[in-house]
């Protein structure tokens, strides 16, 4: 049996961004709708996106490392470890940026 070569960290990060890209896009669309229903500012949205990607990457590495299940980590185009992390952290970050979770601006 051949010995496995170590994977460079940069390649692993790019791989995680690639397989979690649909999950990140869904999160960004939901966050955009929520922030648009509240007070929307482009700078706070860009900072929110950067924080979401960083937290999602590190969190999905943690979930992926301790994944106890015997089934696949992809559910169609959705990367489950990233989805689990963003399902928890996205509402917390939205609340931290002063947004209420609503999709329609009150009249």
PDB file of N, CA and C in Angstrom:
ATOM      1  N   UNK A   1       0.838  -1.182   0.000  1.00  0.00           N
ATOM      2  CA  UNK A   1       0.000   0.000   0.000  1.00  0.00           C
ATOM      3  C   UNK A   1       0.877   1.237   0.000  1.00  0.00           C
ATOM      4  N   UNK A   2       0.494   2.204  -0.823  1.00  0.00           N
ATOM      5  CA  UNK A   2       1.275   3.432  -0.929  1.00  0.00           C
ATOM      6  C   UNK A   2       1.035   4.338   0.261  1.00  0.00           C
ATOM      7  N   UNK A   3       2.056   5.079   0.606  1.00  0.00           N
ATOM      8  CA  UNK A   3       1.942   6.028   1.706  1.00  0.00           C
ATOM      9  C   UNK A   3       1.242   7.291   1.203  1.00  0.00           C
ATOM     10  N   UNK A   4       0.310   7.803   2.010  1.00  0.00           N
ATOM     11  CA  UNK A   4      -0.390   9.020   1.629  1.00  0.00           C
ATOM     12  C   UNK A   4       0.483  10.226   1.915  1.00  0.00           C
ATOM     13  N   UNK A   5       0.489  11.154   0.993  1.00  0.00           N
ATOM     14  CA  UNK A   5       1.218  12.390   1.190  1.00  0.00           C
ATOM     15  C   UNK A   5       0.342  13.381   1.942  1.00  0.00           C
ATOM     16  N   UNK A   6       0.942  14.242   2.772  1.00  0.00           N
ATOM     17  CA  UNK A   6       0.126  15.220   3.496  1.00  0.00           C
ATOM     18  C   UNK A   6      -0.450  16.275   2.547  1.00  0.00           C
ATOM     19  N   UNK A   7      -1.642  16.735   2.884  1.00  0.00           N
ATOM     20  CA  UNK A   7      -2.305  17.759   2.080  1.00  0.00           C
ATOM     21  C   UNK A   7      -1.915  19.128   2.637  1.00  0.00           C
ATOM     22  N   UNK A   8      -1.448  20.033   1.787  1.00  0.00           N
ATOM     23  CA  UNK A   8      -1.152  21.386   2.280  1.00  0.00           C
ATOM     24  C   UNK A   8      -2.427  22.072   2.797  1.00  0.00           C
ATOM     25  N   UNK A   9      -2.277  22.921   3.789  1.00  0.00           N
ATOM     26  CA  UNK A   9      -3.420  23.576   4.418  1.00  0.00           C
ATOM     27  C   UNK A   9      -4.175  24.451   3.409  1.00  0.00           C
ATOM     28  N   UNK A  10      -3.453  25.146   2.545  1.00  0.00           N
ATOM     29  CA  UNK A  10      -4.109  26.009   1.566  1.00  0.00           C
ATOM     30  C   UNK A  10      -5.000  25.197   0.629  1.00  0.00           C
ATOM     31  N   UNK A  11      -4.543  24.039   0.193  1.00  0.00           N
ATOM     32  CA  UNK A  11      -5.370  23.192  -0.667  1.00  0.00           C
ATOM     33  C   UNK A  11      -6.601  22.687   0.072  1.00  0.00           C
ATOM     34  N   UNK A  12      -6.454  22.386   1.353  1.00  0.00           N
ATOM     35  CA  UNK A  12      -7.586  21.929   2.146  1.00  0.00           C
ATOM     36  C   UNK A  12      -8.619  23.043   2.329  1.00  0.00           C
ATOM     37  N   UNK A  13      -8.161  24.282   2.539  1.00  0.00           N
ATOM     38  CA  UNK A  13      -9.078  25.418   2.671  1.00  0.00           C
ATOM     39  C   UNK A  13      -9.812  25.665   1.356  1.00  0.00           C
ATOM     40  N   UNK A  14      -9.100  25.631   0.248  1.00  0.00           N
ATOM     41  CA  UNK A  14      -9.733  25.825  -1.058  1.00  0.00           C
ATOM     42  C   UNK A  14     -10.744  24.708  -1.330  1.00  0.00           C
ATOM     43  N   UNK A  15     -10.412  23.488  -0.960  1.00  0.00           N
ATOM     44  CA  UNK A  15     -11.326  22.360  -1.135  1.00  0.00           C
ATOM     45  C   UNK A  15     -12.586  22.557  -0.300  1.00  0.00           C
ATOM     46  N   UNK A  16     -12.434  23.002   0.950  1.00  0.00           N
ATOM     47  CA  UNK A  16     -13.594  23.232   1.816  1.00  0.00           C
ATOM     48  C   UNK A  16     -14.465  24.371   1.280  1.00  0.00           C
ATOM     49  N   UNK A  17     -13.840  25.410   0.734  1.00  0.00           N
ATOM     50  CA  UNK A  17     -14.616  26.500   0.137  1.00  0.00           C
ATOM     51  C   UNK A  17     -15.365  26.020  -1.100  1.00  0.00           C
ATOM     52  N   UNK A  18     -14.742  25.141  -1.859  1.00  0.00           N
ATOM     53  CA  UNK A  18     -15.374  24.618  -3.071  1.00  0.00           C
ATOM     54  C   UNK A  18     -16.583  23.740  -2.738  1.00  0.00           C
ATOM     55  N   UNK A  19     -16.406  22.786  -1.827  1.00  0.00           N
ATOM     56  CA  UNK A  19     -17.532  21.883  -1.557  1.00  0.00           C
ATOM     57  C   UNK A  19     -18.614  22.547  -0.705  1.00  0.00           C
ATOM     58  N   UNK A  20     -18.280  23.637  -0.014  1.00  0.00           N
ATOM     59  CA  UNK A  20     -19.287  24.344   0.761  1.00  0.00           C
ATOM     60  C   UNK A  20     -19.833  25.573   0.063  1.00  0.00           C
ATOM     61  N   UNK A  21     -19.518  25.761  -1.209  1.00  0.00           N
ATOM     62  CA  UNK A  21     -19.888  26.998  -1.902  1.00  0.00           C
ATOM     63  C   UNK A  21     -21.400  27.193  -1.995  1.00  0.00           C
ATOM     64  N   UNK A  22     -22.163  26.153  -2.265  1.00  0.00           N
ATOM     65  CA  UNK A  22     -23.616  26.280  -2.356  1.00  0.00           C
ATOM     66  C   UNK A  22     -24.192  26.634  -0.987  1.00  0.00           C
ATOM     67  N   UNK A  23     -23.650  26.051   0.061  1.00  0.00           N
ATOM     68  CA  UNK A  23     -24.103  26.358   1.416  1.00  0.00           C
ATOM     69  C   UNK A  23     -23.822  27.809   1.764  1.00  0.00           C
ATOM     70  N   UNK A  24     -22.634  28.303   1.396  1.00  0.00           N
ATOM     71  CA  UNK A  24     -22.309  29.709   1.652  1.00  0.00           C
ATOM     72  C   UNK A  24     -23.222  30.637   0.851  1.00  0.00           C
ATOM     73  N   UNK A  25     -23.503  30.301  -0.394  1.00  0.00           N
ATOM     74  CA  UNK A  25     -24.386  31.137  -1.215  1.00  0.00           C
ATOM     75  C   UNK A  25     -25.793  31.209  -0.630  1.00  0.00           C
ATOM     76  N   UNK A  26     -26.310  30.083  -0.143  1.00  0.00           N
ATOM     77  CA  UNK A  26     -27.633  30.092   0.484  1.00  0.00           C
ATOM     78  C   UNK A  26     -27.620  30.961   1.737  1.00  0.00           C
ATOM     79  N   UNK A  27     -26.558  30.875   2.518  1.00  0.00           N
ATOM     80  CA  UNK A  27     -26.445  31.690   3.726  1.00  0.00           C
ATOM     81  C   UNK A  27     -26.375  33.166   3.385  1.00  0.00           C
ATOM     82  N   UNK A  28     -25.609  33.520   2.350  1.00  0.00           N
ATOM     83  CA  UNK A  28     -25.484  34.926   1.967  1.00  0.00           C
ATOM     84  C   UNK A  28     -26.807  35.483   1.464  1.00  0.00           C
ATOM     85  N   UNK A  29     -27.560  34.686   0.701  1.00  0.00           N
ATOM     86  CA  UNK A  29     -28.856  35.159   0.206  1.00  0.00           C
ATOM     87  C   UNK A  29     -29.830  35.381   1.365  1.00  0.00           C
ATOM     88  N   UNK A  30     -29.883  34.442   2.304  1.00  0.00           N
ATOM     89  CA  UNK A  30     -30.757  34.601   3.474  1.00  0.00           C
ATOM     90  C   UNK A  30     -30.338  35.820   4.292  1.00  0.00           C
ATOM     91  N   UNK A  31     -29.040  35.998   4.506  1.00  0.00           N
ATOM     92  CA  UNK A  31     -28.548  37.132   5.291  1.00  0.00           C
ATOM     93  C   UNK A  31     -28.833  38.450   4.586  1.00  0.00           C
ATOM     94  N   UNK A  32     -28.700  38.469   3.263  1.00  0.00           N
ATOM     95  CA  UNK A  32     -29.008  39.681   2.512  1.00  0.00           C
ATOM     96  C   UNK A  32     -30.469  40.067   2.677  1.00  0.00           C
ATOM     97  N   UNK A  33     -31.365  39.072   2.598  1.00  0.00           N
ATOM     98  CA  UNK A  33     -32.787  39.363   2.757  1.00  0.00           C
ATOM     99  C   UNK A  33     -33.106  39.870   4.156  1.00  0.00           C
ATOM    100  N   UNK A  34     -32.488  39.269   5.168  1.00  0.00           N
ATOM    101  CA  UNK A  34     -32.730  39.703   6.545  1.00  0.00           C
ATOM    102  C   UNK A  34     -32.164  41.101   6.772  1.00  0.00           C
ATOM    103  N   UNK A  35     -30.952  41.356   6.292  1.00  0.00           N
ATOM    104  CA  UNK A  35     -30.347  42.669   6.493  1.00  0.00           C
ATOM    105  C   UNK A  35     -31.071  43.748   5.674  1.00  0.00           C
ATOM    106  N   UNK A  36     -31.620  43.378   4.536  1.00  0.00           N
ATOM    107  CA  UNK A  36     -32.373  44.334   3.723  1.00  0.00           C
ATOM    108  C   UNK A  36     -33.679  44.705   4.404  1.00  0.00           C
ATOM    109  N   UNK A  37     -34.289  43.777   5.134  1.00  0.00           N
ATOM    110  CA  UNK A  37     -35.521  44.062   5.862  1.00  0.00           C
ATOM    111  C   UNK A  37     -35.252  44.952   7.069  1.00  0.00           C
ATOM    112  N   UNK A  38     -34.031  44.992   7.531  1.00  0.00           N
ATOM    113  CA  UNK A  38     -33.617  45.884   8.605  1.00  0.00           C
ATOM    114  C   UNK A  38     -32.865  47.047   7.956  1.00  0.00           C
ATOM    115  N   UNK A  39     -31.986  47.674   8.686  1.00  0.00           N
ATOM    116  CA  UNK A  39     -31.175  48.746   8.124  1.00  0.00           C
ATOM    117  C   UNK A  39     -30.000  48.126   7.381  1.00  0.00           C
ATOM    118  N   UNK A  40     -29.932  48.326   6.059  1.00  0.00           N
ATOM    119  CA  UNK A  40     -28.898  47.682   5.239  1.00  0.00           C
ATOM    120  C   UNK A  40     -27.771  48.661   4.950  1.00  0.00           C
ATOM    121  N   UNK A  41     -26.543  48.194   5.207  1.00  0.00           N
ATOM    122  CA  UNK A  41     -25.337  48.937   4.839  1.00  0.00           C
ATOM    123  C   UNK A  41     -24.378  47.951   4.184  1.00  0.00           C
ATOM    124  N   UNK A  42     -23.791  48.355   3.064  1.00  0.00           N
ATOM    125  CA  UNK A  42     -22.908  47.459   2.326  1.00  0.00           C
ATOM    126  C   UNK A  42     -21.675  47.089   3.142  1.00  0.00           C
ATOM    127  N   UNK A  43     -21.111  48.042   3.886  1.00  0.00           N
ATOM    128  CA  UNK A  43     -19.895  47.739   4.645  1.00  0.00           C
ATOM    129  C   UNK A  43     -20.157  46.693   5.729  1.00  0.00           C
ATOM    130  N   UNK A  44     -21.273  46.837   6.436  1.00  0.00           N
ATOM    131  CA  UNK A  44     -21.579  45.836   7.465  1.00  0.00           C
ATOM    132  C   UNK A  44     -21.895  44.484   6.828  1.00  0.00           C
ATOM    133  N   UNK A  45     -22.496  44.493   5.630  1.00  0.00           N
ATOM    134  CA  UNK A  45     -22.770  43.225   4.944  1.00  0.00           C
ATOM    135  C   UNK A  45     -21.474  42.542   4.516  1.00  0.00           C
ATOM    136  N   UNK A  46     -20.503  43.303   4.018  1.00  0.00           N
ATOM    137  CA  UNK A  46     -19.215  42.714   3.627  1.00  0.00           C
ATOM    138  C   UNK A  46     -18.458  42.174   4.831  1.00  0.00           C
ATOM    139  N   UNK A  47     -18.470  42.899   5.946  1.00  0.00           N
ATOM    140  CA  UNK A  47     -17.831  42.400   7.167  1.00  0.00           C
ATOM    141  C   UNK A  47     -18.544  41.135   7.644  1.00  0.00           C
ATOM    142  N   UNK A  48     -19.866  41.128   7.545  1.00  0.00           N
ATOM    143  CA  UNK A  48     -20.643  39.952   7.922  1.00  0.00           C
ATOM    144  C   UNK A  48     -20.270  38.743   7.068  1.00  0.00           C
ATOM    145  N   UNK A  49     -20.119  38.948   5.760  1.00  0.00           N
ATOM    146  CA  UNK A  49     -19.749  37.849   4.862  1.00  0.00           C
ATOM    147  C   UNK A  49     -18.372  37.296   5.218  1.00  0.00           C
ATOM    148  N   UNK A  50     -17.409  38.173   5.469  1.00  0.00           N
ATOM    149  CA  UNK A  50     -16.055  37.724   5.813  1.00  0.00           C
ATOM    150  C   UNK A  50     -16.076  36.933   7.117  1.00  0.00           C
ATOM    151  N   UNK A  51     -16.784  37.436   8.124  1.00  0.00           N
ATOM    152  CA  UNK A  51     -16.888  36.701   9.388  1.00  0.00           C
ATOM    153  C   UNK A  51     -17.588  35.356   9.203  1.00  0.00           C
ATOM    154  N   UNK A  52     -18.613  35.324   8.374  1.00  0.00           N
ATOM    155  CA  UNK A  52     -19.332  34.077   8.127  1.00  0.00           C
ATOM    156  C   UNK A  52     -18.433  33.038   7.477  1.00  0.00           C
ATOM    157  N   UNK A  53     -17.639  33.451   6.498  1.00  0.00           N
ATOM    158  CA  UNK A  53     -16.743  32.506   5.821  1.00  0.00           C
ATOM    159  C   UNK A  53     -15.676  31.984   6.784  1.00  0.00           C
ATOM    160  N   UNK A  54     -15.084  32.878   7.573  1.00  0.00           N
ATOM    161  CA  UNK A  54     -14.029  32.456   8.502  1.00  0.00           C
ATOM    162  C   UNK A  54     -14.583  31.512   9.562  1.00  0.00           C
ATOM    163  N   UNK A  55     -15.703  31.883  10.172  1.00  0.00           N
ATOM    164  CA  UNK A  55     -16.307  31.025  11.196  1.00  0.00           C
ATOM    165  C   UNK A  55     -16.798  29.719  10.584  1.00  0.00           C
ATOM    166  N   UNK A  56     -17.370  29.798   9.390  1.00  0.00           N
ATOM    167  CA  UNK A  56     -17.841  28.583   8.716  1.00  0.00           C
ATOM    168  C   UNK A  56     -16.709  27.629   8.379  1.00  0.00           C
ATOM    169  N   UNK A  57     -15.567  28.174   7.942  1.00  0.00           N
ATOM    170  CA  UNK A  57     -14.416  27.320   7.626  1.00  0.00           C
ATOM    171  C   UNK A  57     -13.883  26.609   8.862  1.00  0.00           C
ATOM    172  N   UNK A  58     -13.590  27.383   9.902  1.00  0.00           N
ATOM    173  CA  UNK A  58     -13.025  26.770  11.111  1.00  0.00           C
ATOM    174  C   UNK A  58     -14.014  25.831  11.783  1.00  0.00           C
ATOM    175  N   UNK A  59     -15.285  26.238  11.816  1.00  0.00           N
ATOM    176  CA  UNK A  59     -16.295  25.369  12.414  1.00  0.00           C
ATOM    177  C   UNK A  59     -16.505  24.092  11.637  1.00  0.00           C
ATOM    178  N   UNK A  60     -16.485  24.183  10.305  1.00  0.00           N
ATOM    179  CA  UNK A  60     -16.677  22.964   9.517  1.00  0.00           C
ATOM    180  C   UNK A  60     -15.468  22.035   9.624  1.00  0.00           C
ATOM    181  N   UNK A  61     -14.270  22.600   9.807  1.00  0.00           N
ATOM    182  CA  UNK A  61     -13.108  21.751  10.079  1.00  0.00           C
ATOM    183  C   UNK A  61     -13.301  20.985  11.387  1.00  0.00           C
ATOM    184  N   UNK A  62     -13.819  21.662  12.409  1.00  0.00           N
ATOM    185  CA  UNK A  62     -14.061  20.987  13.695  1.00  0.00           C
ATOM    186  C   UNK A  62     -15.124  19.902  13.568  1.00  0.00           C
ATOM    187  N   UNK A  63     -16.244  20.235  12.912  1.00  0.00           N
ATOM    188  CA  UNK A  63     -17.319  19.245  12.761  1.00  0.00           C
ATOM    189  C   UNK A  63     -16.850  18.081  11.897  1.00  0.00           C
ATOM    190  N   UNK A  64     -16.110  18.382  10.837  1.00  0.00           N
ATOM    191  CA  UNK A  64     -15.620  17.343   9.942  1.00  0.00           C
ATOM    192  C   UNK A  64     -14.624  16.425  10.656  1.00  0.00           C
ATOM    193  N   UNK A  65     -13.841  16.995  11.555  1.00  0.00           N
ATOM    194  CA  UNK A  65     -12.847  16.196  12.280  1.00  0.00           C
ATOM    195  C   UNK A  65     -13.453  15.219  13.269  1.00  0.00           C
ATOM    196  N   UNK A  66     -14.597  15.564  13.830  1.00  0.00           N
ATOM    197  CA  UNK A  66     -15.224  14.688  14.820  1.00  0.00           C
ATOM    198  C   UNK A  66     -16.506  14.064  14.287  1.00  0.00           C
ATOM    199  N   UNK A  67     -16.663  14.005  12.972  1.00  0.00           N
ATOM    200  CA  UNK A  67     -17.879  13.475  12.348  1.00  0.00           C
ATOM    201  C   UNK A  67     -18.048  12.002  12.698  1.00  0.00           C
ATOM    202  N   UNK A  68     -19.054  11.654  13.519  1.00  0.00           N
ATOM    203  CA  UNK A  68     -19.212  10.258  13.948  1.00  0.00           C
ATOM    204  C   UNK A  68     -20.039   9.408  12.993  1.00  0.00           C
ATOM    205  N   UNK A  69     -20.731  10.032  12.058  1.00  0.00           N
ATOM    206  CA  UNK A  69     -21.665   9.303  11.208  1.00  0.00           C
ATOM    207  C   UNK A  69     -20.932   8.505  10.137  1.00  0.00           C
ATOM    208  N   UNK A  70     -21.570   7.451   9.704  1.00  0.00           N
ATOM    209  CA  UNK A  70     -20.985   6.611   8.664  1.00  0.00           C
ATOM    210  C   UNK A  70     -21.480   7.001   7.275  1.00  0.00           C
ATOM    211  N   UNK A  71     -22.413   7.969   7.195  1.00  0.00           N
ATOM    212  CA  UNK A  71     -22.909   8.388   5.888  1.00  0.00           C
ATOM    213  C   UNK A  71     -22.091   9.562   5.366  1.00  0.00           C
ATOM    214  N   UNK A  72     -22.370   9.934   4.136  1.00  0.00           N
ATOM    215  CA  UNK A  72     -21.605  10.961   3.437  1.00  0.00           C
ATOM    216  C   UNK A  72     -21.861  12.347   4.032  1.00  0.00           C
ATOM    217  N   UNK A  73     -20.877  13.234   3.918  1.00  0.00           N
ATOM    218  CA  UNK A  73     -21.018  14.578   4.470  1.00  0.00           C
ATOM    219  C   UNK A  73     -21.677  15.539   3.494  1.00  0.00           C
ATOM    220  N   UNK A  74     -22.021  15.070   2.310  1.00  0.00           N
ATOM    221  CA  UNK A  74     -22.709  15.906   1.327  1.00  0.00           C
ATOM    222  C   UNK A  74     -24.152  15.420   1.206  1.00  0.00           C
ATOM    223  N   UNK A  75     -25.078  16.349   1.275  1.00  0.00           N
ATOM    224  CA  UNK A  75     -26.483  16.051   1.050  1.00  0.00           C
ATOM    225  C   UNK A  75     -26.876  16.803  -0.204  1.00  0.00           C
ATOM    226  N   UNK A  76     -26.685  16.184  -1.349  1.00  0.00           N
ATOM    227  CA  UNK A  76     -26.848  16.877  -2.628  1.00  0.00           C
ATOM    228  C   UNK A  76     -25.736  17.904  -2.756  1.00  0.00           C
ATOM    229  N   UNK A  77     -26.079  19.168  -3.021  1.00  0.00           N
ATOM    230  CA  UNK A  77     -25.035  20.191  -3.119  1.00  0.00           C
ATOM    231  C   UNK A  77     -24.694  20.845  -1.784  1.00  0.00           C
ATOM    232  N   UNK A  78     -25.337  20.387  -0.695  1.00  0.00           N
ATOM    233  CA  UNK A  78     -25.139  21.019   0.616  1.00  0.00           C
ATOM    234  C   UNK A  78     -24.094  20.239   1.409  1.00  0.00           C
ATOM    235  N   UNK A  79     -23.071  20.943   1.873  1.00  0.00           N
ATOM    236  CA  UNK A  79     -22.020  20.360   2.713  1.00  0.00           C
ATOM    237  C   UNK A  79     -22.510  20.409   4.156  1.00  0.00           C
ATOM    238  N   UNK A  80     -22.811  19.250   4.735  1.00  0.00           N
ATOM    239  CA  UNK A  80     -23.470  19.190   6.035  1.00  0.00           C
ATOM    240  C   UNK A  80     -22.674  19.818   7.186  1.00  0.00           C
ATOM    241  N   UNK A  81     -21.346  19.590   7.327  1.00  0.00           N
ATOM    242  CA  UNK A  81     -20.638  20.263   8.428  1.00  0.00           C
ATOM    243  C   UNK A  81     -20.713  21.786   8.347  1.00  0.00           C
ATOM    244  N   UNK A  82     -20.588  22.349   7.165  1.00  0.00           N
ATOM    245  CA  UNK A  82     -20.705  23.799   7.012  1.00  0.00           C
ATOM    246  C   UNK A  82     -22.132  24.248   7.296  1.00  0.00           C
ATOM    247  N   UNK A  83     -23.118  23.488   6.843  1.00  0.00           N
ATOM    248  CA  UNK A  83     -24.514  23.826   7.082  1.00  0.00           C
ATOM    249  C   UNK A  83     -24.834  23.825   8.570  1.00  0.00           C
ATOM    250  N   UNK A  84     -24.331  22.838   9.301  1.00  0.00           N
ATOM    251  CA  UNK A  84     -24.583  22.758  10.742  1.00  0.00           C
ATOM    252  C   UNK A  84     -23.984  23.961  11.456  1.00  0.00           C
ATOM    253  N   UNK A  85     -22.755  24.312  11.104  1.00  0.00           N
ATOM    254  CA  UNK A  85     -22.096  25.451  11.748  1.00  0.00           C
ATOM    255  C   UNK A  85     -22.811  26.750  11.415  1.00  0.00           C
ATOM    256  N   UNK A  86     -23.168  26.951  10.158  1.00  0.00           N
ATOM    257  CA  UNK A  86     -23.817  28.201   9.760  1.00  0.00           C
ATOM    258  C   UNK A  86     -25.254  28.287  10.260  1.00  0.00           C
ATOM    259  N   UNK A  87     -25.902  27.160  10.469  1.00  0.00           N
ATOM    260  CA  UNK A  87     -27.249  27.158  11.025  1.00  0.00           C
ATOM    261  C   UNK A  87     -27.244  27.709  12.452  1.00  0.00           C
ATOM    262  N   UNK A  88     -26.155  27.501  13.165  1.00  0.00           N
ATOM    263  CA  UNK A  88     -26.031  27.995  14.533  1.00  0.00           C
ATOM    264  C   UNK A  88     -25.483  29.419  14.561  1.00  0.00           C
ATOM    265  N   UNK A  89     -24.434  29.685  13.785  1.00  0.00           N
ATOM    266  CA  UNK A  89     -23.744  30.971  13.904  1.00  0.00           C
ATOM    267  C   UNK A  89     -24.399  32.104  13.115  1.00  0.00           C
ATOM    268  N   UNK A  90     -25.112  31.810  12.040  1.00  0.00           N
ATOM    269  CA  UNK A  90     -25.694  32.868  11.225  1.00  0.00           C
ATOM    270  C   UNK A  90     -26.720  33.706  11.995  1.00  0.00           C
ATOM    271  N   UNK A  91     -27.680  33.118  12.700  1.00  0.00           N
ATOM    272  CA  UNK A  91     -28.593  33.965  13.483  1.00  0.00           C
ATOM    273  C   UNK A  91     -27.883  34.745  14.592  1.00  0.00           C
ATOM    274  N   UNK A  92     -26.861  34.147  15.191  1.00  0.00           N
ATOM    275  CA  UNK A  92     -26.118  34.847  16.235  1.00  0.00           C
ATOM    276  C   UNK A  92     -25.384  36.056  15.657  1.00  0.00           C
ATOM    277  N   UNK A  93     -24.747  35.879  14.496  1.00  0.00           N
ATOM    278  CA  UNK A  93     -24.057  37.004  13.851  1.00  0.00           C
ATOM    279  C   UNK A  93     -25.053  38.073  13.396  1.00  0.00           C
ATOM    280  N   UNK A  94     -26.186  37.657  12.846  1.00  0.00           N
ATOM    281  CA  UNK A  94     -27.190  38.638  12.441  1.00  0.00           C
ATOM    282  C   UNK A  94     -27.674  39.445  13.634  1.00  0.00           C
ATOM    283  N   UNK A  95     -27.915  38.783  14.752  1.00  0.00           N
ATOM    284  CA  UNK A  95     -28.331  39.478  15.962  1.00  0.00           C
ATOM    285  C   UNK A  95     -27.214  40.389  16.466  1.00  0.00           C
ATOM    286  N   UNK A  96     -25.967  39.931  16.376  1.00  0.00           N
ATOM    287  CA  UNK A  96     -24.827  40.740  16.790  1.00  0.00           C
ATOM    288  C   UNK A  96     -24.653  41.994  15.956  1.00  0.00           C
ATOM    289  N   UNK A  97     -25.066  41.954  14.703  1.00  0.00           N
ATOM    290  CA  UNK A  97     -24.997  43.121  13.836  1.00  0.00           C
ATOM    291  C   UNK A  97     -26.245  44.002  13.969  1.00  0.00           C
ATOM    292  N   UNK A  98     -27.114  43.682  14.915  1.00  0.00           N
ATOM    293  CA  UNK A  98     -28.280  44.525  15.189  1.00  0.00           C
ATOM    294  C   UNK A  98     -29.470  44.265  14.302  1.00  0.00           C
ATOM    295  N   UNK A  99     -29.622  43.069  13.796  1.00  0.00           N
ATOM    296  CA  UNK A  99     -30.748  42.732  12.922  1.00  0.00           C
ATOM    297  C   UNK A  99     -31.731  41.831  13.648  1.00  0.00           C
ATOM    298  N   UNK A 100     -33.002  42.011  13.344  1.00  0.00           N
ATOM    299  CA  UNK A 100     -34.021  41.072  13.789  1.00  0.00           C
ATOM    300  C   UNK A 100     -34.262  40.103  12.647  1.00  0.00           C
ATOM    301  N   UNK A 101     -34.556  38.866  12.967  1.00  0.00           N
ATOM    302  CA  UNK A 101     -34.751  37.849  11.934  1.00  0.00           C
ATOM    303  C   UNK A 101     -36.155  38.030  11.330  1.00  0.00           C
ATOM    304  N   UNK A 102     -36.213  38.820  10.277  1.00  0.00           N
ATOM    305  CA  UNK A 102     -37.450  39.022   9.532  1.00  0.00           C
ATOM    306  C   UNK A 102     -37.075  39.248   8.073  1.00  0.00           C
ATOM    307  N   UNK A 103     -37.948  38.851   7.178  1.00  0.00           N
ATOM    308  CA  UNK A 103     -37.674  38.964   5.750  1.00  0.00           C
ATOM    309  C   UNK A 103     -38.402  40.128   5.097  1.00  0.00           C
ATOM    310  N   UNK A 104     -39.424  40.670   5.768  1.00  0.00           N
ATOM    311  CA  UNK A 104     -40.204  41.767   5.219  1.00  0.00           C
ATOM    312  C   UNK A 104     -40.089  42.953   6.160  1.00  0.00           C
ATOM    313  N   UNK A 105     -39.796  44.118   5.601  1.00  0.00           N
ATOM    314  CA  UNK A 105     -39.681  45.335   6.407  1.00  0.00           C
ATOM    315  C   UNK A 105     -41.062  45.761   6.886  1.00  0.00           C
ATOM    316  N   UNK A 106     -41.199  46.029   8.200  1.00  0.00           N
ATOM    317  CA  UNK A 106     -42.515  46.449   8.686  1.00  0.00           C
ATOM    318  C   UNK A 106     -42.901  47.818   8.128  1.00  0.00           C
ATOM    319  N   UNK A 107     -44.176  48.010   7.911  1.00  0.00           N
ATOM    320  CA  UNK A 107     -44.672  49.266   7.326  1.00  0.00           C
ATOM    321  C   UNK A 107     -44.707  50.382   8.343  1.00  0.00           C
TER     322      UNK A 107
END
